[in-house]
Amino acid sequence: MLDRSLGGIRCLTVRRIAHHGGYLPGRLGGTIRYTTENLGRTLVRVDFDSGESLMVLPDDVILDANPEDGARDGA
């Protein structure tokens, strides 16, 4: 079942994330679309600013405390 309660919230990757097209860098911004559970684990669908839309583990991203700043400030 899809949980859209976090939908629209900005997030940042906490480390490099491997995917089919290479790697997403750490501190890359994105927007959460929804969370879902599969085989007893939670997955998060994120539309990243670089164009990728991926399912990631909750430990791969953190909520962005300053969404208006985005990942531009390098903080």
PDB file of N, CA and C in Angstrom:
ATOM      1  N   MET A   1       0.825  -1.169   0.000  1.00  0.00           N
ATOM      2  CA  MET A   1       0.000   0.000   0.000  1.00  0.00           C
ATOM      3  C   MET A   1       0.880   1.248   0.000  1.00  0.00           C
ATOM      4  N   LEU A   2       0.498   2.238  -0.785  1.00  0.00           N
ATOM      5  CA  LEU A   2       1.256   3.481  -0.875  1.00  0.00           C
ATOM      6  C   LEU A   2       0.875   4.417   0.255  1.00  0.00           C
ATOM      7  N   ASP A   3       1.868   5.051   0.843  1.00  0.00           N
ATOM      8  CA  ASP A   3       1.660   6.058   1.878  1.00  0.00           C
ATOM      9  C   ASP A   3       2.154   7.383   1.311  1.00  0.00           C
ATOM     10  N   ARG A   4       1.253   8.303   1.078  1.00  0.00           N
ATOM     11  CA  ARG A   4       1.611   9.594   0.486  1.00  0.00           C
ATOM     12  C   ARG A   4       1.748  10.708   1.527  1.00  0.00           C
ATOM     13  N   SER A   5       1.836  10.353   2.807  1.00  0.00           N
ATOM     14  CA  SER A   5       1.905  11.369   3.860  1.00  0.00           C
ATOM     15  C   SER A   5       3.180  12.216   3.781  1.00  0.00           C
ATOM     16  N   LEU A   6       4.265  11.699   3.214  1.00  0.00           N
ATOM     17  CA  LEU A   6       5.496  12.471   3.043  1.00  0.00           C
ATOM     18  C   LEU A   6       5.618  13.062   1.641  1.00  0.00           C
ATOM     19  N   GLY A   7       4.625  12.822   0.799  1.00  0.00           N
ATOM     20  CA  GLY A   7       4.662  13.312  -0.576  1.00  0.00           C
ATOM     21  C   GLY A   7       4.866  14.814  -0.652  1.00  0.00           C
ATOM     22  N   GLY A   8       5.792  15.240  -1.497  1.00  0.00           N
ATOM     23  CA  GLY A   8       6.077  16.661  -1.686  1.00  0.00           C
ATOM     24  C   GLY A   8       7.162  17.215  -0.784  1.00  0.00           C
ATOM     25  N   ILE A   9       7.616  16.446   0.188  1.00  0.00           N
ATOM     26  CA  ILE A   9       8.662  16.903   1.102  1.00  0.00           C
ATOM     27  C   ILE A   9      10.022  16.740   0.438  1.00  0.00           C
ATOM     28  N   ARG A  10      10.862  17.749   0.591  1.00  0.00           N
ATOM     29  CA  ARG A  10      12.205  17.721   0.025  1.00  0.00           C
ATOM     30  C   ARG A  10      13.112  16.858   0.887  1.00  0.00           C
ATOM     31  N   CYS A  11      14.098  16.222   0.248  1.00  0.00           N
ATOM     32  CA  CYS A  11      15.064  15.385   0.950  1.00  0.00           C
ATOM     33  C   CYS A  11      16.424  15.508   0.273  1.00  0.00           C
ATOM     34  N   LEU A  12      17.441  14.973   0.942  1.00  0.00           N
ATOM     35  CA  LEU A  12      18.813  14.958   0.432  1.00  0.00           C
ATOM     36  C   LEU A  12      19.381  13.557   0.600  1.00  0.00           C
ATOM     37  N   THR A  13      20.193  13.110  -0.349  1.00  0.00           N
ATOM     38  CA  THR A  13      20.882  11.834  -0.182  1.00  0.00           C
ATOM     39  C   THR A  13      21.960  11.995   0.885  1.00  0.00           C
ATOM     40  N   VAL A  14      22.176  10.956   1.667  1.00  0.00           N
ATOM     41  CA  VAL A  14      23.187  11.022   2.729  1.00  0.00           C
ATOM     42  C   VAL A  14      24.525  10.449   2.288  1.00  0.00           C
ATOM     43  N   ARG A  15      24.536   9.729   1.171  1.00  0.00           N
ATOM     44  CA  ARG A  15      25.763   9.129   0.633  1.00  0.00           C
ATOM     45  C   ARG A  15      25.554   8.862  -0.852  1.00  0.00           C
ATOM     46  N   ARG A  16      26.581   8.440  -1.534  1.00  0.00           N
ATOM     47  CA  ARG A  16      26.417   8.031  -2.937  1.00  0.00           C
ATOM     48  C   ARG A  16      25.482   6.836  -2.993  1.00  0.00           C
ATOM     49  N   ILE A  17      24.608   6.821  -3.985  1.00  0.00           N
ATOM     50  CA  ILE A  17      23.659   5.722  -4.139  1.00  0.00           C
ATOM     51  C   ILE A  17      23.835   5.132  -5.531  1.00  0.00           C
ATOM     52  N   ALA A  18      24.138   3.841  -5.583  1.00  0.00           N
ATOM     53  CA  ALA A  18      24.275   3.152  -6.866  1.00  0.00           C
ATOM     54  C   ALA A  18      22.892   2.912  -7.456  1.00  0.00           C
ATOM     55  N   HIS A  19      22.779   3.076  -8.777  1.00  0.00           N
ATOM     56  CA  HIS A  19      21.544   2.751  -9.485  1.00  0.00           C
ATOM     57  C   HIS A  19      21.915   2.308 -10.893  1.00  0.00           C
ATOM     58  N   HIS A  20      20.921   1.944 -11.690  1.00  0.00           N
ATOM     59  CA  HIS A  20      21.177   1.351 -13.010  1.00  0.00           C
ATOM     60  C   HIS A  20      21.961   2.266 -13.952  1.00  0.00           C
ATOM     61  N   GLY A  21      21.938   3.578 -13.723  1.00  0.00           N
ATOM     62  CA  GLY A  21      22.644   4.507 -14.604  1.00  0.00           C
ATOM     63  C   GLY A  21      23.951   5.028 -14.041  1.00  0.00           C
ATOM     64  N   GLY A  22      24.385   4.508 -12.904  1.00  0.00           N
ATOM     65  CA  GLY A  22      25.621   4.976 -12.296  1.00  0.00           C
ATOM     66  C   GLY A  22      25.431   5.236 -10.813  1.00  0.00           C
ATOM     67  N   TYR A  23      25.803   6.429 -10.372  1.00  0.00           N
ATOM     68  CA  TYR A  23      25.694   6.801  -8.964  1.00  0.00           C
ATOM     69  C   TYR A  23      25.024   8.157  -8.828  1.00  0.00           C
ATOM     70  N   LEU A  24      24.214   8.292  -7.782  1.00  0.00           N
ATOM     71  CA  LEU A  24      23.742   9.604  -7.370  1.00  0.00           C
ATOM     72  C   LEU A  24      24.727  10.113  -6.334  1.00  0.00           C
ATOM     73  N   PRO A  25      25.115  11.374  -6.399  1.00  0.00           N
ATOM     74  CA  PRO A  25      26.069  11.897  -5.419  1.00  0.00           C
ATOM     75  C   PRO A  25      25.415  12.125  -4.057  1.00  0.00           C
ATOM     76  N   GLY A  26      26.238  12.232  -3.025  1.00  0.00           N
ATOM     77  CA  GLY A  26      25.745  12.612  -1.710  1.00  0.00           C
ATOM     78  C   GLY A  26      25.266  14.059  -1.746  1.00  0.00           C
ATOM     79  N   ARG A  27      24.306  14.389  -0.888  1.00  0.00           N
ATOM     80  CA  ARG A  27      23.736  15.742  -0.755  1.00  0.00           C
ATOM     81  C   ARG A  27      22.963  16.179  -1.993  1.00  0.00           C
ATOM     82  N   LEU A  28      22.478  15.229  -2.801  1.00  0.00           N
ATOM     83  CA  LEU A  28      21.643  15.546  -3.952  1.00  0.00           C
ATOM     84  C   LEU A  28      20.208  15.707  -3.482  1.00  0.00           C
ATOM     85  N   GLY A  29      19.563  16.781  -3.885  1.00  0.00           N
ATOM     86  CA  GLY A  29      18.193  17.056  -3.483  1.00  0.00           C
ATOM     87  C   GLY A  29      17.182  16.289  -4.317  1.00  0.00           C
ATOM     88  N   GLY A  30      16.024  16.110  -3.728  1.00  0.00           N
ATOM     89  CA  GLY A  30      14.925  15.455  -4.419  1.00  0.00           C
ATOM     90  C   GLY A  30      13.622  15.706  -3.688  1.00  0.00           C
ATOM     91  N   THR A  31      12.535  15.253  -4.295  1.00  0.00           N
ATOM     92  CA  THR A  31      11.211  15.396  -3.712  1.00  0.00           C
ATOM     93  C   THR A  31      10.605  14.013  -3.530  1.00  0.00           C
ATOM     94  N   ILE A  32      10.155  13.731  -2.316  1.00  0.00           N
ATOM     95  CA  ILE A  32       9.534  12.440  -2.030  1.00  0.00           C
ATOM     96  C   ILE A  32       8.162  12.393  -2.688  1.00  0.00           C
ATOM     97  N   ARG A  33       7.855  11.277  -3.352  1.00  0.00           N
ATOM     98  CA  ARG A  33       6.530  11.054  -3.938  1.00  0.00           C
ATOM     99  C   ARG A  33       5.670  10.212  -3.011  1.00  0.00           C
ATOM    100  N   TYR A  34       6.220   9.102  -2.501  1.00  0.00           N
ATOM    101  CA  TYR A  34       5.467   8.241  -1.596  1.00  0.00           C
ATOM    102  C   TYR A  34       6.407   7.229  -0.960  1.00  0.00           C
ATOM    103  N   THR A  35       5.907   6.530   0.048  1.00  0.00           N
ATOM    104  CA  THR A  35       6.609   5.392   0.623  1.00  0.00           C
ATOM    105  C   THR A  35       5.724   4.164   0.439  1.00  0.00           C
ATOM    106  N   THR A  36       6.349   3.006   0.445  1.00  0.00           N
ATOM    107  CA  THR A  36       5.626   1.751   0.315  1.00  0.00           C
ATOM    108  C   THR A  36       6.389   0.674   1.061  1.00  0.00           C
ATOM    109  N   GLU A  37       5.712  -0.412   1.359  1.00  0.00           N
ATOM    110  CA  GLU A  37       6.376  -1.531   2.003  1.00  0.00           C
ATOM    111  C   GLU A  37       6.421  -2.703   1.038  1.00  0.00           C
ATOM    112  N   ASN A  38       7.585  -3.364   0.977  1.00  0.00           N
ATOM    113  CA  ASN A  38       7.776  -4.503   0.091  1.00  0.00           C
ATOM    114  C   ASN A  38       8.659  -5.521   0.798  1.00  0.00           C
ATOM    115  N   LEU A  39       8.158  -6.732   0.930  1.00  0.00           N
ATOM    116  CA  LEU A  39       8.903  -7.819   1.569  1.00  0.00           C
ATOM    117  C   LEU A  39       9.404  -7.436   2.958  1.00  0.00           C
ATOM    118  N   GLY A  40       8.567  -6.712   3.705  1.00  0.00           N
ATOM    119  CA  GLY A  40       8.895  -6.349   5.076  1.00  0.00           C
ATOM    120  C   GLY A  40       9.829  -5.167   5.238  1.00  0.00           C
ATOM    121  N   ARG A  41      10.130  -4.453   4.160  1.00  0.00           N
ATOM    122  CA  ARG A  41      10.997  -3.275   4.278  1.00  0.00           C
ATOM    123  C   ARG A  41      10.310  -2.077   3.642  1.00  0.00           C
ATOM    124  N   THR A  42      10.589  -0.918   4.165  1.00  0.00           N
ATOM    125  CA  THR A  42      10.016   0.322   3.648  1.00  0.00           C
ATOM    126  C   THR A  42      10.906   0.857   2.538  1.00  0.00           C
ATOM    127  N   LEU A  43      10.301   1.322   1.469  1.00  0.00           N
ATOM    128  CA  LEU A  43      11.002   1.949   0.351  1.00  0.00           C
ATOM    129  C   LEU A  43      10.395   3.325   0.109  1.00  0.00           C
ATOM    130  N   VAL A  44      11.231   4.251  -0.350  1.00  0.00           N
ATOM    131  CA  VAL A  44      10.807   5.625  -0.592  1.00  0.00           C
ATOM    132  C   VAL A  44      11.016   5.955  -2.062  1.00  0.00           C
ATOM    133  N   ARG A  45       9.976   6.416  -2.748  1.00  0.00           N
ATOM    134  CA  ARG A  45      10.102   6.850  -4.154  1.00  0.00           C
ATOM    135  C   ARG A  45      10.447   8.336  -4.139  1.00  0.00           C
ATOM    136  N   VAL A  46      11.590   8.675  -4.749  1.00  0.00           N
ATOM    137  CA  VAL A  46      12.070  10.056  -4.770  1.00  0.00           C
ATOM    138  C   VAL A  46      12.325  10.488  -6.206  1.00  0.00           C
ATOM    139  N   ASP A  47      11.832  11.670  -6.556  1.00  0.00           N
ATOM    140  CA  ASP A  47      12.172  12.313  -7.824  1.00  0.00           C
ATOM    141  C   ASP A  47      13.357  13.230  -7.542  1.00  0.00           C
ATOM    142  N   PHE A  48      14.540  12.829  -8.004  1.00  0.00           N
ATOM    143  CA  PHE A  48      15.744  13.604  -7.725  1.00  0.00           C
ATOM    144  C   PHE A  48      15.885  14.760  -8.709  1.00  0.00           C
ATOM    145  N   ASP A  49      16.556  15.819  -8.264  1.00  0.00           N
ATOM    146  CA  ASP A  49      16.738  17.021  -9.078  1.00  0.00           C
ATOM    147  C   ASP A  49      17.541  16.745 -10.343  1.00  0.00           C
ATOM    148  N   SER A  50      18.318  15.668 -10.361  1.00  0.00           N
ATOM    149  CA  SER A  50      19.125  15.328 -11.531  1.00  0.00           C
ATOM    150  C   SER A  50      18.318  14.610 -12.613  1.00  0.00           C
ATOM    151  N   GLY A  51      17.031  14.315 -12.321  1.00  0.00           N
ATOM    152  CA  GLY A  51      16.160  13.705 -13.310  1.00  0.00           C
ATOM    153  C   GLY A  51      15.789  12.262 -13.034  1.00  0.00           C
ATOM    154  N   GLU A  52      16.551  11.568 -12.193  1.00  0.00           N
ATOM    155  CA  GLU A  52      16.237  10.188 -11.861  1.00  0.00           C
ATOM    156  C   GLU A  52      15.050  10.126 -10.905  1.00  0.00           C
ATOM    157  N   SER A  53      14.251   9.087 -11.023  1.00  0.00           N
ATOM    158  CA  SER A  53      13.173   8.792 -10.096  1.00  0.00           C
ATOM    159  C   SER A  53      13.406   7.372  -9.611  1.00  0.00           C
ATOM    160  N   LEU A  54      13.786   7.243  -8.331  1.00  0.00           N
ATOM    161  CA  LEU A  54      14.224   5.946  -7.810  1.00  0.00           C
ATOM    162  C   LEU A  54      13.533   5.584  -6.517  1.00  0.00           C
ATOM    163  N   MET A  55      13.474   4.270  -6.264  1.00  0.00           N
ATOM    164  CA  MET A  55      13.093   3.752  -4.956  1.00  0.00           C
ATOM    165  C   MET A  55      14.381   3.630  -4.153  1.00  0.00           C
ATOM    166  N   VAL A  56      14.411   4.232  -2.974  1.00  0.00           N
ATOM    167  CA  VAL A  56      15.584   4.166  -2.108  1.00  0.00           C
ATOM    168  C   VAL A  56      15.148   3.721  -0.721  1.00  0.00           C
ATOM    169  N   LEU A  57      16.109   3.297   0.067  1.00  0.00           N
ATOM    170  CA  LEU A  57      15.831   2.938   1.447  1.00  0.00           C
ATOM    171  C   LEU A  57      15.725   4.211   2.286  1.00  0.00           C
ATOM    172  N   PRO A  58      14.928   4.191   3.358  1.00  0.00           N
ATOM    173  CA  PRO A  58      14.803   5.384   4.200  1.00  0.00           C
ATOM    174  C   PRO A  58      16.127   5.891   4.752  1.00  0.00           C
ATOM    175  N   ASP A  59      17.099   4.999   4.990  1.00  0.00           N
ATOM    176  CA  ASP A  59      18.409   5.423   5.503  1.00  0.00           C
ATOM    177  C   ASP A  59      19.268   6.108   4.446  1.00  0.00           C
ATOM    178  N   ASP A  60      18.854   6.078   3.181  1.00  0.00           N
ATOM    179  CA  ASP A  60      19.619   6.710   2.105  1.00  0.00           C
ATOM    180  C   ASP A  60      19.342   8.202   1.973  1.00  0.00           C
ATOM    181  N   VAL A  61      18.264   8.689   2.596  1.00  0.00           N
ATOM    182  CA  VAL A  61      17.890  10.102   2.474  1.00  0.00           C
ATOM    183  C   VAL A  61      17.553  10.682   3.842  1.00  0.00           C
ATOM    184  N   ILE A  62      17.689  11.995   3.943  1.00  0.00           N
ATOM    185  CA  ILE A  62      17.237  12.726   5.127  1.00  0.00           C
ATOM    186  C   ILE A  62      16.303  13.829   4.648  1.00  0.00           C
ATOM    187  N   LEU A  63      15.375  14.217   5.500  1.00  0.00           N
ATOM    188  CA  LEU A  63      14.485  15.318   5.152  1.00  0.00           C
ATOM    189  C   LEU A  63      15.291  16.603   5.142  1.00  0.00           C
ATOM    190  N   ASP A  64      15.018  17.469   4.182  1.00  0.00           N
ATOM    191  CA  ASP A  64      15.743  18.727   4.020  1.00  0.00           C
ATOM    192  C   ASP A  64      15.173  19.758   4.988  1.00  0.00           C
ATOM    193  N   ALA A  65      15.991  20.198   5.936  1.00  0.00           N
ATOM    194  CA  ALA A  65      15.556  21.174   6.934  1.00  0.00           C
ATOM    195  C   ALA A  65      15.348  22.559   6.337  1.00  0.00           C
ATOM    196  N   ASN A  66      15.998  22.860   5.211  1.00  0.00           N
ATOM    197  CA  ASN A  66      15.892  24.173   4.565  1.00  0.00           C
ATOM    198  C   ASN A  66      15.514  23.998   3.102  1.00  0.00           C
ATOM    199  N   PRO A  67      14.261  23.588   2.825  1.00  0.00           N
ATOM    200  CA  PRO A  67      13.905  23.285   1.434  1.00  0.00           C
ATOM    201  C   PRO A  67      14.000  24.478   0.494  1.00  0.00           C
ATOM    202  N   GLU A  68      13.860  25.701   0.995  1.00  0.00           N
ATOM    203  CA  GLU A  68      13.974  26.855   0.109  1.00  0.00           C
ATOM    204  C   GLU A  68      15.413  27.093  -0.338  1.00  0.00           C
ATOM    205  N   ASP A  69      16.385  26.600   0.441  1.00  0.00           N
ATOM    206  CA  ASP A  69      17.788  26.724   0.066  1.00  0.00           C
ATOM    207  C   ASP A  69      18.213  25.633  -0.898  1.00  0.00           C
ATOM    208  N   GLY A  70      17.555  24.474  -0.814  1.00  0.00           N
ATOM    209  CA  GLY A  70      17.920  23.342  -1.654  1.00  0.00           C
ATOM    210  C   GLY A  70      19.320  22.873  -1.341  1.00  0.00           C
ATOM    211  N   ALA A  71      19.955  22.180  -2.269  1.00  0.00           N
ATOM    212  CA  ALA A  71      21.315  21.669  -2.070  1.00  0.00           C
ATOM    213  C   ALA A  71      22.347  22.675  -2.574  1.00  0.00           C
ATOM    214  N   ARG A  72      21.932  23.876  -2.945  1.00  0.00           N
ATOM    215  CA  ARG A  72      22.843  24.857  -3.515  1.00  0.00           C
ATOM    216  C   ARG A  72      23.842  25.419  -2.525  1.00  0.00           C
ATOM    217  N   ASP A  73      23.437  25.517  -1.212  1.00  0.00           N
ATOM    218  CA  ASP A  73      24.304  26.200  -0.274  1.00  0.00           C
ATOM    219  C   ASP A  73      25.465  25.353   0.203  1.00  0.00           C
ATOM    220  N   GLY A  74      25.446  24.046  -0.069  1.00  0.00           N
ATOM    221  CA  GLY A  74      26.551  23.172   0.291  1.00  0.00           C
ATOM    222  C   GLY A  74      26.659  22.900   1.769  1.00  0.00           C
ATOM    223  N   ALA A  75      25.654  23.279   2.549  1.00  0.00           N
ATOM    224  CA  ALA A  75      25.694  23.059   4.001  1.00  0.00           C
ATOM    225  C   ALA A  75      25.454  21.614   4.346  1.00  0.00           C
TER     226      ALA A  75
END
